[in-house]
C-alpha atoms as a PDB file:
ATOM      1  CA  MET A   1       0.121   0.127   0.130  1.00  0.00           C
ATOM      2  CA  THR A   2       1.385   3.315  -1.017  1.00  0.00           C
ATOM      3  CA  GLU A   3       1.981   5.673   2.129  1.00  0.00           C
ATOM      4  CA  PRO A   4       0.044   8.754   2.075  1.00  0.00           C
ATOM      5  CA  ILE A   5       1.721  11.997   1.122  1.00  0.00           C
ATOM      6  CA  ARG A   6       1.331  15.499   1.594  1.00  0.00           C
ATOM      7  CA  PHE A   7      -1.367  17.245  -0.735  1.00  0.00           C
ATOM      8  CA  SER A   8       1.039  20.082  -1.834  1.00  0.00           C
ATOM      9  CA  LYS A   9       3.694  17.621  -3.008  1.00  0.00           C
ATOM     10  CA  HIS A  10       1.448  15.138  -4.972  1.00  0.00           C
ATOM     11  CA  VAL A  11      -0.302  18.434  -6.688  1.00  0.00           C
ATOM     12  CA  ALA A  12       3.162  19.998  -7.355  1.00  0.00           C
ATOM     13  CA  GLU A  13       4.104  16.685  -9.062  1.00  0.00           C
ATOM     14  CA  LEU A  14       1.246  16.683 -11.247  1.00  0.00           C
ATOM     15  CA  ALA A  15       0.962  20.271 -12.371  1.00  0.00           C
ATOM     16  CA  ASN A  16       4.950  20.198 -12.592  1.00  0.00           C
ATOM     17  CA  CYS A  17       4.909  23.489 -10.493  1.00  0.00           C
ATOM     18  CA  SER A  18       6.671  24.465  -7.491  1.00  0.00           C
ATOM     19  CA  ARG A  19       5.624  23.535  -3.953  1.00  0.00           C
ATOM     20  CA  ARG A  20       4.460  27.096  -3.240  1.00  0.00           C
ATOM     21  CA  GLU A  21       2.572  27.415  -6.649  1.00  0.00           C
ATOM     22  CA  ALA A  22       0.941  24.009  -5.775  1.00  0.00           C
ATOM     23  CA  GLU A  23      -0.510  25.576  -2.342  1.00  0.00           C
ATOM     24  CA  LEU A  24      -1.748  28.455  -4.135  1.00  0.00           C
ATOM     25  CA  LEU A  25      -3.508  26.224  -6.230  1.00  0.00           C
ATOM     26  CA  ILE A  26      -4.970  24.329  -3.213  1.00  0.00           C
ATOM     27  CA  GLU A  27      -5.869  27.096  -0.865  1.00  0.00           C
ATOM     28  CA  GLY A  28      -7.648  28.857  -4.147  1.00  0.00           C
ATOM     29  CA  GLY A  29      -9.970  25.988  -3.972  1.00  0.00           C
ATOM     30  CA  TRP A  30      -8.856  24.447  -7.558  1.00  0.00           C
ATOM     31  CA  VAL A  31      -8.116  20.821  -6.722  1.00  0.00           C
ATOM     32  CA  LYS A  32     -10.458  18.426  -5.793  1.00  0.00           C
ATOM     33  CA  VAL A  33      -9.869  15.078  -4.087  1.00  0.00           C
ATOM     34  CA  ASN A  34     -12.322  12.005  -4.914  1.00  0.00           C
ATOM     35  CA  GLY A  35     -14.710  14.594  -6.051  1.00  0.00           C
ATOM     36  CA  GLN A  36     -14.350  17.274  -3.095  1.00  0.00           C
ATOM     37  CA  ILE A  37     -12.390  20.326  -3.290  1.00  0.00           C
ATOM     38  CA  ILE A  38      -9.737  20.205  -0.219  1.00  0.00           C
ATOM     39  CA  GLU A  39      -8.256  23.644   0.676  1.00  0.00           C
ATOM     40  CA  GLU A  40      -5.535  22.158   3.085  1.00  0.00           C
ATOM     41  CA  PRO A  41      -2.188  21.768   1.613  1.00  0.00           C
ATOM     42  CA  GLN A  42      -1.177  19.855   4.707  1.00  0.00           C
ATOM     43  CA  HIS A  43      -3.624  16.969   3.731  1.00  0.00           C
ATOM     44  CA  ARG A  44      -2.523  13.803   3.198  1.00  0.00           C
ATOM     45  CA  VAL A  45      -3.337  11.820  -0.056  1.00  0.00           C
ATOM     46  CA  SER A  46      -2.737   8.400  -1.286  1.00  0.00           C
ATOM     47  CA  PRO A  47      -1.394   8.414  -4.955  1.00  0.00           C
ATOM     48  CA  GLY A  48      -2.926   5.475  -6.992  1.00  0.00           C
ATOM     49  CA  GLN A  49      -5.990   5.538  -4.761  1.00  0.00           C
ATOM     50  CA  ASP A  50      -6.903   8.988  -4.295  1.00  0.00           C
ATOM     51  CA  GLN A  51      -8.448  10.584  -7.222  1.00  0.00           C
ATOM     52  CA  VAL A  52      -6.752  14.222  -7.665  1.00  0.00           C
ATOM     53  CA  ASP A  53      -8.328  16.085 -10.265  1.00  0.00           C
ATOM     54  CA  ILE A  54      -6.972  20.225 -11.010  1.00  0.00           C
ATOM     55  CA  ASP A  55      -9.427  22.737 -12.503  1.00  0.00           C
ATOM     56  CA  PRO A  56      -8.123  23.418 -16.216  1.00  0.00           C
ATOM     57  CA  GLN A  57      -8.932  27.094 -15.257  1.00  0.00           C
ATOM     58  CA  ALA A  58      -6.712  26.949 -12.346  1.00  0.00           C
ATOM     59  CA  ARG A  59      -4.336  29.799 -11.442  1.00  0.00           C
ATOM     60  CA  PRO A  60      -1.639  29.874  -8.628  1.00  0.00           C
ATOM     61  CA  GLU A  61      -2.922  33.034  -7.410  1.00  0.00           C
ATOM     62  CA  THR A  62      -2.836  34.477  -3.526  1.00  0.00           C
ATOM     63  CA  VAL A  63      -6.452  34.503  -2.641  1.00  0.00           C
ATOM     64  CA  PRO A  64      -7.077  38.544  -1.328  1.00  0.00           C
ATOM     65  CA  PRO A  65      -8.475  39.379   1.713  1.00  0.00           C
ATOM     66  CA  ALA A  66     -12.439  39.158   1.556  1.00  0.00           C
ATOM     67  CA  THR A  67     -15.002  41.711   2.682  1.00  0.00           C
ATOM     68  CA  LEU A  68     -18.648  40.674   3.285  1.00  0.00           C
ATOM     69  CA  LEU A  69     -21.872  42.293   3.540  1.00  0.00           C
ATOM     70  CA  TRP A  70     -24.702  40.507   5.689  1.00  0.00           C
ATOM     71  CA  TYR A  71     -28.201  41.608   6.453  1.00  0.00           C
ATOM     72  CA  ARG A  72     -28.403  40.949  10.012  1.00  0.00           C
ATOM     73  CA  PRO A  73     -32.127  39.420  10.070  1.00  0.00           C
ATOM     74  CA  ASP A  74     -33.107  39.989  13.715  1.00  0.00           C
ATOM     75  CA  PRO A  75     -31.476  41.381  16.916  1.00  0.00           C
ATOM     76  CA  GLU A  76     -30.790  37.859  18.232  1.00  0.00           C
ATOM     77  CA  ALA A  77     -28.595  37.113  15.245  1.00  0.00           C
ATOM     78  CA  ALA A  78     -24.754  36.910  16.163  1.00  0.00           C
ATOM     79  CA  CYS A  79     -22.764  39.123  14.462  1.00  0.00           C
ATOM     80  CA  ASP A  80     -20.590  36.076  13.486  1.00  0.00           C
ATOM     81  CA  ALA A  81     -19.262  35.557  10.069  1.00  0.00           C
ATOM     82  CA  GLN A  82     -18.760  32.215  10.478  1.00  0.00           C
ATOM     83  CA  ARG A  83     -22.451  31.662  10.270  1.00  0.00           C
ATOM     84  CA  LEU A  84     -22.393  32.438   6.711  1.00  0.00           C
ATOM     85  CA  GLN A  85     -20.421  29.776   5.777  1.00  0.00           C
ATOM     86  CA  GLY A  86     -22.107  26.937   4.063  1.00  0.00           C
ATOM     87  CA  THR A  87     -24.541  29.513   1.987  1.00  0.00           C
ATOM     88  CA  ALA A  88     -24.335  30.801  -1.115  1.00  0.00           C
ATOM     89  CA  PRO A  89     -23.963  34.713  -1.545  1.00  0.00           C
ATOM     90  CA  ILE A  90     -25.973  36.966  -3.845  1.00  0.00           C
ATOM     91  CA  SER A  91     -24.046  37.648  -6.898  1.00  0.00           C
ATOM     92  CA  ARG A  92     -24.983  38.274 -10.502  1.00  0.00           C
ATOM     93  CA  HIS A  93     -21.877  36.506 -11.507  1.00  0.00           C
ATOM     94  CA  PRO A  94     -20.571  32.967 -10.176  1.00  0.00           C
ATOM     95  CA  VAL A  95     -18.439  33.224  -7.138  1.00  0.00           C
ATOM     96  CA  ARG A  96     -16.113  30.664  -5.916  1.00  0.00           C
ATOM     97  CA  VAL A  97     -16.210  30.874  -2.113  1.00  0.00           C
ATOM     98  CA  LEU A  98     -13.832  29.498  -0.127  1.00  0.00           C
ATOM     99  CA  LYS A  99     -13.386  28.362   3.597  1.00  0.00           C
ATOM    100  CA  ARG A 100     -10.618  30.956   4.137  1.00  0.00           C
ATOM    101  CA  HIS A 101     -13.341  33.596   3.041  1.00  0.00           C
ATOM    102  CA  PHE A 102     -14.854  33.033   6.553  1.00  0.00           C
ATOM    103  CA  ALA A 103     -11.401  33.045   8.561  1.00  0.00           C
ATOM    104  CA  GLN A 104     -10.438  35.543  10.875  1.00  0.00           C
ATOM    105  CA  GLN A 105     -13.559  37.825  10.014  1.00  0.00           C
ATOM    106  CA  LEU A 106     -14.121  40.804  12.181  1.00  0.00           C
ATOM    107  CA  PRO A 107     -17.163  43.040  11.986  1.00  0.00           C
ATOM    108  CA  LEU A 108     -17.145  46.725  11.496  1.00  0.00           C
ATOM    109  CA  ALA A 109     -19.138  49.348  13.295  1.00  0.00           C
ATOM    110  CA  GLY A 110     -21.156  46.193  14.710  1.00  0.00           C
ATOM    111  CA  LEU A 111     -24.901  46.234  15.386  1.00  0.00           C
ATOM    112  CA  SER A 112     -26.330  45.528  18.855  1.00  0.00           C
ATOM    113  CA  GLY A 113     -29.682  45.856  20.727  1.00  0.00           C
ATOM    114  CA  LEU A 114     -32.840  46.068  18.318  1.00  0.00           C
ATOM    115  CA  ALA A 115     -30.454  46.794  15.296  1.00  0.00           C
ATOM    116  CA  THR A 116     -30.954  44.571  12.025  1.00  0.00           C
ATOM    117  CA  GLY A 117     -29.455  45.394   8.546  1.00  0.00           C
ATOM    118  CA  LEU A 118     -26.112  45.705   7.232  1.00  0.00           C
ATOM    119  CA  VAL A 119     -23.248  44.581   8.865  1.00  0.00           C
ATOM    120  CA  VAL A 120     -19.638  44.516   7.454  1.00  0.00           C
ATOM    121  CA  PHE A 121     -16.936  41.559   8.184  1.00  0.00           C
ATOM    122  CA  THR A 122     -13.523  42.037   6.635  1.00  0.00           C
ATOM    123  CA  GLN A 123     -10.009  40.248   6.641  1.00  0.00           C
ATOM    124  CA  ASP A 124      -8.635  43.431   5.233  1.00  0.00           C
ATOM    125  CA  GLY A 125      -6.128  44.932   7.760  1.00  0.00           C
ATOM    126  CA  ARG A 126      -5.603  48.592   5.756  1.00  0.00           C
ATOM    127  CA  MET A 127      -9.401  48.590   5.398  1.00  0.00           C
ATOM    128  CA  ARG A 128     -10.005  47.882   8.855  1.00  0.00           C
ATOM    129  CA  ARG A 129      -7.449  50.765  10.016  1.00  0.00           C
ATOM    130  CA  ARG A 130      -8.874  53.209   7.625  1.00  0.00           C
ATOM    131  CA  LEU A 131     -12.305  52.922   8.960  1.00  0.00           C
ATOM    132  CA  MET A 132     -11.534  52.833  12.622  1.00  0.00           C
ATOM    133  CA  GLU A 133      -9.634  56.444  12.017  1.00  0.00           C
ATOM    134  CA  ASP A 134     -12.279  57.543   9.700  1.00  0.00           C
ATOM    135  CA  GLU A 135     -15.095  56.335  11.866  1.00  0.00           C
ATOM    136  CA  ALA A 136     -16.124  60.177  13.239  1.00  0.00           C
ATOM    137  CA  GLU A 137     -16.502  60.994   9.479  1.00  0.00           C
ATOM    138  CA  LEU A 138     -18.449  57.891   8.383  1.00  0.00           C
ATOM    139  CA  GLU A 139     -22.183  58.437   8.133  1.00  0.00           C
ATOM    140  CA  GLN A 140     -24.911  55.762   8.824  1.00  0.00           C
ATOM    141  CA  GLU A 141     -28.330  55.331   7.797  1.00  0.00           C
ATOM    142  CA  PHE A 142     -30.887  53.825   9.720  1.00  0.00           C
ATOM    143  CA  MET A 143     -34.697  53.396   9.283  1.00  0.00           C
ATOM    144  CA  VAL A 144     -36.338  53.445  12.654  1.00  0.00           C
ATOM    145  CA  GLU A 145     -40.142  52.088  13.270  1.00  0.00           C
ATOM    146  CA  LEU A 146     -42.218  53.689  15.691  1.00  0.00           C
ATOM    147  CA  PRO A 147     -45.517  53.105  16.914  1.00  0.00           C
ATOM    148  CA  GLY A 148     -48.394  55.386  15.827  1.00  0.00           C
ATOM    149  CA  GLN A 149     -48.513  58.312  13.430  1.00  0.00           C
ATOM    150  CA  LEU A 150     -46.205  61.013  14.445  1.00  0.00           C
ATOM    151  CA  THR A 151     -47.240  64.246  13.867  1.00  0.00           C
ATOM    152  CA  ASN A 152     -45.219  66.978  12.231  1.00  0.00           C
ATOM    153  CA  ASP A 153     -44.582  68.688  15.148  1.00  0.00           C
ATOM    154  CA  ALA A 154     -43.444  65.622  17.061  1.00  0.00           C
ATOM    155  CA  ILE A 155     -40.943  64.702  14.427  1.00  0.00           C
ATOM    156  CA  GLU A 156     -39.526  68.337  14.808  1.00  0.00           C
ATOM    157  CA  ARG A 157     -39.104  68.171  18.105  1.00  0.00           C
ATOM    158  CA  LEU A 158     -37.408  64.963  18.144  1.00  0.00           C
ATOM    159  CA  GLN A 159     -34.926  66.959  15.347  1.00  0.00           C
ATOM    160  CA  SER A 160     -34.207  69.317  17.759  1.00  0.00           C
ATOM    161  CA  ARG A 161     -33.372  67.107  20.614  1.00  0.00           C
ATOM    162  CA  LEU A 162     -30.871  65.485  17.567  1.00  0.00           C
ATOM    163  CA  GLN A 163     -29.169  68.644  17.342  1.00  0.00           C
ATOM    164  CA  GLN A 164     -28.886  69.005  21.120  1.00  0.00           C
ATOM    165  CA  ALA A 165     -27.425  65.305  21.180  1.00  0.00           C
ATOM    166  CA  ARG A 166     -24.297  66.885  20.105  1.00  0.00           C
ATOM    167  CA  GLN A 167     -23.324  68.082  23.640  1.00  0.00           C
ATOM    168  CA  TRP A 168     -24.482  64.728  25.081  1.00  0.00           C
ATOM    169  CA  PRO A 169     -21.630  62.809  26.186  1.00  0.00           C
ATOM    170  CA  GLN A 170     -23.455  59.786  26.263  1.00  0.00           C
ATOM    171  CA  VAL A 171     -25.420  60.119  22.948  1.00  0.00           C
ATOM    172  CA  PRO A 172     -22.527  61.869  21.017  1.00  0.00           C
ATOM    173  CA  VAL A 173     -24.522  61.867  17.580  1.00  0.00           C
ATOM    174  CA  VAL A 174     -24.483  64.290  14.593  1.00  0.00           C
ATOM    175  CA  GLY A 175     -26.825  64.262  11.706  1.00  0.00           C
ATOM    176  CA  LYS A 176     -30.336  64.646  10.616  1.00  0.00           C
ATOM    177  CA  LEU A 177     -33.478  62.923  10.391  1.00  0.00           C
ATOM    178  CA  SER A 178     -36.503  62.564   7.876  1.00  0.00           C
ATOM    179  CA  LEU A 179     -39.844  61.123   7.703  1.00  0.00           C
ATOM    180  CA  ASN A 180     -39.621  58.116   5.253  1.00  0.00           C
ATOM    181  CA  ALA A 181     -43.463  56.897   5.803  1.00  0.00           C
ATOM    182  CA  ARG A 182     -46.311  57.266   7.769  1.00  0.00           C
ATOM    183  CA  GLY A 183     -49.255  55.315   8.138  1.00  0.00           C
ATOM    184  CA  PRO A 184     -51.827  52.981  10.239  1.00  0.00           C
ATOM    185  CA  GLN A 185     -49.124  50.911  11.191  1.00  0.00           C
ATOM    186  CA  GLY A 186     -46.783  53.599  12.542  1.00  0.00           C
ATOM    187  CA  THR A 187     -44.212  55.617  11.648  1.00  0.00           C
ATOM    188  CA  ARG A 188     -40.400  55.330   9.849  1.00  0.00           C
ATOM    189  CA  LEU A 189     -37.988  57.751  10.147  1.00  0.00           C
ATOM    190  CA  ARG A 190     -34.908  57.922   8.437  1.00  0.00           C
ATOM    191  CA  PHE A 191     -31.584  58.770  10.663  1.00  0.00           C
ATOM    192  CA  ALA A 192     -28.548  59.840   8.736  1.00  0.00           C
ATOM    193  CA  LEU A 193     -25.813  60.289  11.565  1.00  0.00           C
ATOM    194  CA  LYS A 194     -21.935  60.270  11.800  1.00  0.00           C
ATOM    195  CA  ALA A 195     -19.957  59.288  15.026  1.00  0.00           C
ATOM    196  CA  SER A 196     -23.239  57.048  16.029  1.00  0.00           C
ATOM    197  CA  ASN A 197     -24.716  53.537  16.340  1.00  0.00           C
ATOM    198  CA  ALA A 198     -27.879  52.097  17.080  1.00  0.00           C
ATOM    199  CA  GLY A 199     -27.686  52.169  20.275  1.00  0.00           C
ATOM    200  CA  CYS A 200     -27.397  55.960  20.328  1.00  0.00           C
ATOM    201  CA  ILE A 201     -30.608  56.223  18.441  1.00  0.00           C
ATOM    202  CA  GLN A 202     -32.446  54.371  20.417  1.00  0.00           C
ATOM    203  CA  ALA A 203     -31.249  56.384  23.664  1.00  0.00           C
ATOM    204  CA  LEU A 204     -32.427  59.314  21.515  1.00  0.00           C
ATOM    205  CA  CYS A 205     -35.767  58.215  20.709  1.00  0.00           C
ATOM    206  CA  GLU A 206     -36.596  57.035  24.236  1.00  0.00           C
ATOM    207  CA  SER A 207     -35.436  60.086  25.658  1.00  0.00           C
ATOM    208  CA  ALA A 208     -38.126  61.646  23.712  1.00  0.00           C
ATOM    209  CA  GLY A 209     -40.781  59.184  25.074  1.00  0.00           C
ATOM    210  CA  LEU A 210     -40.798  57.106  21.728  1.00  0.00           C
ATOM    211  CA  ARG A 211     -39.926  53.470  21.646  1.00  0.00           C
ATOM    212  CA  PRO A 212     -38.580  52.179  18.529  1.00  0.00           C
ATOM    213  CA  GLN A 213     -40.433  48.973  17.539  1.00  0.00           C
ATOM    214  CA  ALA A 214     -37.414  48.207  14.771  1.00  0.00           C
ATOM    215  CA  LEU A 215     -34.300  49.873  14.085  1.00  0.00           C
ATOM    216  CA  ARG A 216     -32.480  48.903  10.507  1.00  0.00           C
ATOM    217  CA  ARG A 217     -29.396  50.026   9.096  1.00  0.00           C
ATOM    218  CA  THR A 218     -29.634  50.415   5.559  1.00  0.00           C
ATOM    219  CA  ARG A 219     -26.210  52.164   4.571  1.00  0.00           C
ATOM    220  CA  LEU A 220     -22.940  52.290   6.000  1.00  0.00           C
ATOM    221  CA  GLY A 221     -20.737  55.271   4.276  1.00  0.00           C
ATOM    222  CA  ARG A 222     -21.478  54.602   0.511  1.00  0.00           C
ATOM    223  CA  VAL A 223     -22.238  51.004   0.965  1.00  0.00           C
ATOM    224  CA  ALA A 224     -25.680  50.046   1.168  1.00  0.00           C
ATOM    225  CA  LEU A 225     -27.606  47.408   2.037  1.00  0.00           C
ATOM    226  CA  ALA A 226     -29.933  47.301  -1.408  1.00  0.00           C
ATOM    227  CA  GLY A 227     -30.123  43.830  -2.961  1.00  0.00           C
ATOM    228  CA  LEU A 228     -29.858  41.649   0.360  1.00  0.00           C
ATOM    229  CA  ALA A 229     -32.894  40.266   1.844  1.00  0.00           C
ATOM    230  CA  PRO A 230     -32.859  39.366   5.524  1.00  0.00           C
ATOM    231  CA  GLY A 231     -30.117  36.560   6.351  1.00  0.00           C
ATOM    232  CA  GLU A 232     -28.753  37.363   2.966  1.00  0.00           C
ATOM    233  CA  TRP A 233     -24.792  38.090   2.255  1.00  0.00           C
ATOM    234  CA  ARG A 234     -22.394  39.197  -0.684  1.00  0.00           C
ATOM    235  CA  PHE A 235     -18.651  39.814  -1.230  1.00  0.00           C
ATOM    236  CA  MET A 236     -17.992  43.788  -1.378  1.00  0.00           C
ATOM    237  CA  GLY A 237     -17.010  44.496  -4.879  1.00  0.00           C
ATOM    238  CA  PRO A 238     -13.521  45.914  -5.549  1.00  0.00           C
ATOM    239  CA  HIS A 239     -14.864  49.070  -6.896  1.00  0.00           C
ATOM    240  CA  GLU A 240     -16.854  49.552  -4.077  1.00  0.00           C
ATOM    241  CA  LYS A 241     -15.557  52.314  -1.187  1.00  0.00           C
ATOM    242  CA  PHE A 242     -17.017  53.137   1.969  1.00  0.00           C
END
C-alpha cells in the first residue's frame, strides 16, 4: 500500500510546478480529491488510490482578503461571519466561495440592541484601520419604526433633540432625520448620522418618550444594504468604497 503524502507535494508533481504554486492552487480551491474540493495543503493523499483533479482554469494566485456584507435578520442573530459559511452569496456572477473567506473575519461598526440590517465583516487590515481612523466622519443610515402616526411637530421636536445631542457625552450623535413613511401601521423615520450607532438612536428616541419597534441599518458610508434580503450576504466588490 502506498504511504500517504502531503497534498501539496502530490499536486506539485501532477502540475509540474513548485511547491508554493501547488499550495496556492490548493488554497484557491482549484483542486479536488475524490470529487471534493480540499483547501488544506497539509492534507494527506494516497497516490494511486485517491483521485486528484486540478481545474483546467486553475491559477496559482494568492487569495485576496475578503469583505462580506450581511443583512442581519433579527436582533438575536450573532454578528459572526462563521454563520455565513455553507450558504451561497448573492451575486450576479458566479463566485468561488472558499473556507478561508470566513476565517478571521472581524465586524466593523457592529450592531447591537434592536438593530438589524447591514453588517460588514473584513479580513483586510488596511480597510479595518482606515475605517477606524475615519469612523467619526463615516455616515450611517438607519430606518426606525415607531408606533403611532407621529405628527410633524413631534418629528421636529425629535430633530431638535438630535441637534442638542451633540452636547450629550453619552449620545455623541451628529446628523439629521427625516420622515420616510407614515400610516396606520406606524411611522418610519430615516436617520443619517455620523459618529453614531444603533444604541445612540434608541437612546435619543427614548429620551423623547418614543420606543422604537425596529431599527435597521441601510447604509454604512457609501455601501448600501440594497439587493440583500434578511439573512443574505454578498462579497463587497473591488470598486465599492465606504
